[in-house]
């Protein structure tokens, strides 16, 4: 999988069996469903087994401490 250009996940781990686990960190303006779909489409197009998750921690922190 080439991740040099275009949408890239924040963190990606590739395992010996060829599968990939992706972790996205959503910003306050991101929509988690879009992040998952974007990564899912990219990995499916390359035929890579995957697991994708999104952390909303930035959104929660902004609600607590934001302006």
N, C-alpha and C. Protein backbone atom coordinates (compact mmCIF):
# COMPACT_ATOMS: atom_id res chain seq x y z
N UNK A 1 0.85 -1.17 0.00
CA UNK A 1 0.00 0.00 0.00
C UNK A 1 0.89 1.23 0.00
N UNK A 2 0.65 2.11 -0.92
CA UNK A 2 1.42 3.35 -0.99
C UNK A 2 0.63 4.46 -0.34
N UNK A 3 1.24 5.08 0.63
CA UNK A 3 0.57 6.15 1.37
C UNK A 3 1.29 7.48 1.22
N UNK A 4 2.11 7.61 0.19
CA UNK A 4 2.90 8.82 0.03
C UNK A 4 2.02 10.03 -0.29
N UNK A 5 1.04 9.85 -1.15
CA UNK A 5 0.17 10.95 -1.56
C UNK A 5 -1.27 10.60 -1.27
N UNK A 6 -2.10 11.62 -1.21
CA UNK A 6 -3.53 11.39 -1.00
C UNK A 6 -3.86 11.19 0.47
N UNK A 7 -5.11 10.83 0.74
CA UNK A 7 -5.52 10.66 2.13
C UNK A 7 -4.72 9.55 2.81
N UNK A 8 -4.25 9.84 3.99
CA UNK A 8 -3.48 8.87 4.77
C UNK A 8 -4.05 8.81 6.17
N UNK A 9 -4.02 7.65 6.78
CA UNK A 9 -4.47 7.57 8.17
C UNK A 9 -3.43 8.21 9.10
N UNK A 10 -3.86 8.57 10.30
CA UNK A 10 -2.92 9.13 11.28
C UNK A 10 -1.94 8.07 11.75
N UNK A 11 -2.43 6.85 11.97
CA UNK A 11 -1.57 5.75 12.40
C UNK A 11 -2.00 4.50 11.64
N UNK A 12 -1.03 3.77 11.10
CA UNK A 12 -1.32 2.50 10.42
C UNK A 12 -0.27 1.48 10.83
N UNK A 13 -0.74 0.29 11.16
CA UNK A 13 0.17 -0.80 11.52
C UNK A 13 -0.07 -1.94 10.54
N UNK A 14 0.99 -2.44 9.96
CA UNK A 14 0.89 -3.58 9.04
C UNK A 14 1.46 -4.81 9.74
N UNK A 15 0.68 -5.88 9.73
CA UNK A 15 1.07 -7.11 10.40
C UNK A 15 1.69 -8.10 9.43
N UNK A 16 2.37 -9.09 9.97
CA UNK A 16 3.06 -10.10 9.15
C UNK A 16 2.11 -10.83 8.21
N UNK A 17 0.86 -10.99 8.61
CA UNK A 17 -0.10 -11.69 7.74
C UNK A 17 -0.63 -10.80 6.61
N UNK A 18 -0.16 -9.55 6.55
CA UNK A 18 -0.55 -8.62 5.48
C UNK A 18 -1.72 -7.73 5.83
N UNK A 19 -2.35 -7.96 6.96
CA UNK A 19 -3.48 -7.12 7.35
C UNK A 19 -2.98 -5.78 7.89
N UNK A 20 -3.87 -4.80 7.87
CA UNK A 20 -3.53 -3.45 8.32
C UNK A 20 -4.56 -3.00 9.33
N UNK A 21 -4.09 -2.35 10.38
CA UNK A 21 -4.97 -1.74 11.37
C UNK A 21 -4.74 -0.23 11.32
N UNK A 22 -5.83 0.50 11.12
CA UNK A 22 -5.76 1.96 10.95
C UNK A 22 -6.43 2.64 12.13
N UNK A 23 -5.79 3.71 12.61
CA UNK A 23 -6.36 4.53 13.68
C UNK A 23 -6.36 5.97 13.21
N UNK A 24 -7.52 6.58 13.18
CA UNK A 24 -7.67 7.99 12.82
C UNK A 24 -7.98 8.78 14.08
N UNK A 25 -7.46 9.98 14.17
CA UNK A 25 -7.76 10.90 15.25
C UNK A 25 -8.61 12.01 14.65
N UNK A 26 -9.89 12.04 15.00
CA UNK A 26 -10.80 13.02 14.41
C UNK A 26 -10.55 14.40 15.00
N UNK A 27 -10.44 15.39 14.14
CA UNK A 27 -10.36 16.77 14.61
C UNK A 27 -11.77 17.25 14.91
N UNK A 28 -11.90 18.46 15.41
CA UNK A 28 -13.24 18.92 15.80
C UNK A 28 -14.17 19.11 14.60
N UNK A 29 -13.62 19.22 13.39
CA UNK A 29 -14.47 19.40 12.21
C UNK A 29 -14.64 18.12 11.40
N UNK A 30 -13.93 17.05 11.75
CA UNK A 30 -14.04 15.78 11.02
C UNK A 30 -15.33 15.06 11.35
N UNK A 31 -15.79 14.29 10.38
CA UNK A 31 -16.93 13.40 10.58
C UNK A 31 -16.37 11.98 10.59
N UNK A 32 -16.50 11.26 11.72
CA UNK A 32 -15.93 9.92 11.84
C UNK A 32 -16.33 8.97 10.71
N UNK A 33 -17.58 9.02 10.29
CA UNK A 33 -18.04 8.13 9.22
C UNK A 33 -17.26 8.38 7.92
N UNK A 34 -16.96 9.64 7.63
CA UNK A 34 -16.18 9.96 6.42
C UNK A 34 -14.75 9.44 6.54
N UNK A 35 -14.16 9.56 7.71
CA UNK A 35 -12.80 9.06 7.91
C UNK A 35 -12.75 7.55 7.70
N UNK A 36 -13.71 6.85 8.27
CA UNK A 36 -13.75 5.39 8.12
C UNK A 36 -13.96 5.01 6.66
N UNK A 37 -14.93 5.64 6.01
CA UNK A 37 -15.23 5.33 4.61
C UNK A 37 -14.03 5.58 3.70
N UNK A 38 -13.35 6.72 3.89
CA UNK A 38 -12.20 7.07 3.06
C UNK A 38 -11.10 6.00 3.18
N UNK A 39 -10.79 5.60 4.39
CA UNK A 39 -9.76 4.59 4.60
C UNK A 39 -10.22 3.21 4.11
N UNK A 40 -11.49 2.87 4.36
CA UNK A 40 -12.02 1.58 3.93
C UNK A 40 -11.95 1.44 2.41
N UNK A 41 -12.35 2.49 1.70
CA UNK A 41 -12.32 2.45 0.23
C UNK A 41 -10.90 2.28 -0.28
N UNK A 42 -9.97 2.98 0.32
CA UNK A 42 -8.57 2.90 -0.12
C UNK A 42 -7.98 1.52 0.10
N UNK A 43 -8.20 0.97 1.28
CA UNK A 43 -7.65 -0.35 1.58
C UNK A 43 -8.36 -1.45 0.79
N UNK A 44 -9.68 -1.34 0.61
CA UNK A 44 -10.41 -2.32 -0.19
C UNK A 44 -9.94 -2.30 -1.64
N UNK A 45 -9.68 -1.11 -2.17
CA UNK A 45 -9.22 -0.99 -3.56
C UNK A 45 -7.88 -1.70 -3.77
N UNK A 46 -7.08 -1.75 -2.72
CA UNK A 46 -5.78 -2.41 -2.81
C UNK A 46 -5.83 -3.85 -2.32
N UNK A 47 -7.03 -4.32 -1.93
CA UNK A 47 -7.21 -5.69 -1.50
C UNK A 47 -6.50 -6.04 -0.20
N UNK A 48 -6.43 -5.08 0.70
CA UNK A 48 -5.73 -5.28 1.97
C UNK A 48 -6.75 -5.50 3.09
N UNK A 49 -6.67 -6.65 3.80
CA UNK A 49 -7.55 -6.86 4.94
C UNK A 49 -7.27 -5.80 6.00
N UNK A 50 -8.33 -5.27 6.63
CA UNK A 50 -8.10 -4.13 7.51
C UNK A 50 -9.07 -4.04 8.66
N UNK A 51 -8.70 -3.20 9.60
CA UNK A 51 -9.53 -2.83 10.74
C UNK A 51 -9.32 -1.33 10.94
N UNK A 52 -10.41 -0.57 10.94
CA UNK A 52 -10.30 0.88 11.03
C UNK A 52 -11.09 1.37 12.24
N UNK A 53 -10.47 2.27 13.02
CA UNK A 53 -11.18 2.88 14.14
C UNK A 53 -10.85 4.37 14.18
N UNK A 54 -11.76 5.12 14.79
CA UNK A 54 -11.61 6.58 14.88
C UNK A 54 -11.70 6.99 16.34
N UNK A 55 -10.75 7.81 16.78
CA UNK A 55 -10.77 8.36 18.13
C UNK A 55 -11.37 9.76 18.07
N UNK A 56 -12.34 10.01 18.92
CA UNK A 56 -12.97 11.33 19.01
C UNK A 56 -12.40 12.14 20.16
N UNK A 57 -11.23 11.78 20.64
CA UNK A 57 -10.66 12.43 21.81
C UNK A 57 -10.48 13.94 21.59
N UNK A 58 -10.05 14.37 20.42
CA UNK A 58 -9.86 15.79 20.15
C UNK A 58 -11.19 16.55 20.26
N UNK A 59 -12.26 15.93 19.79
CA UNK A 59 -13.58 16.56 19.87
C UNK A 59 -14.00 16.70 21.33
N UNK A 60 -13.79 15.65 22.11
CA UNK A 60 -14.16 15.69 23.54
C UNK A 60 -13.35 16.72 24.30
N UNK A 61 -12.06 16.79 24.04
CA UNK A 61 -11.20 17.77 24.71
C UNK A 61 -11.61 19.18 24.34
N UNK A 62 -11.95 19.40 23.06
CA UNK A 62 -12.36 20.73 22.62
C UNK A 62 -13.66 21.15 23.32
N UNK A 63 -14.57 20.19 23.52
CA UNK A 63 -15.82 20.53 24.21
C UNK A 63 -15.57 20.92 25.67
N UNK A 64 -14.59 20.26 26.30
CA UNK A 64 -14.28 20.56 27.69
C UNK A 64 -13.49 21.85 27.87
N UNK A 65 -12.49 22.04 27.00
CA UNK A 65 -11.54 23.15 27.20
C UNK A 65 -11.55 24.19 26.08
N UNK A 66 -12.32 23.96 25.01
CA UNK A 66 -12.32 24.87 23.88
C UNK A 66 -12.98 26.20 24.21
N UNK A 67 -12.89 27.10 23.26
CA UNK A 67 -13.46 28.44 23.45
C UNK A 67 -14.95 28.45 23.21
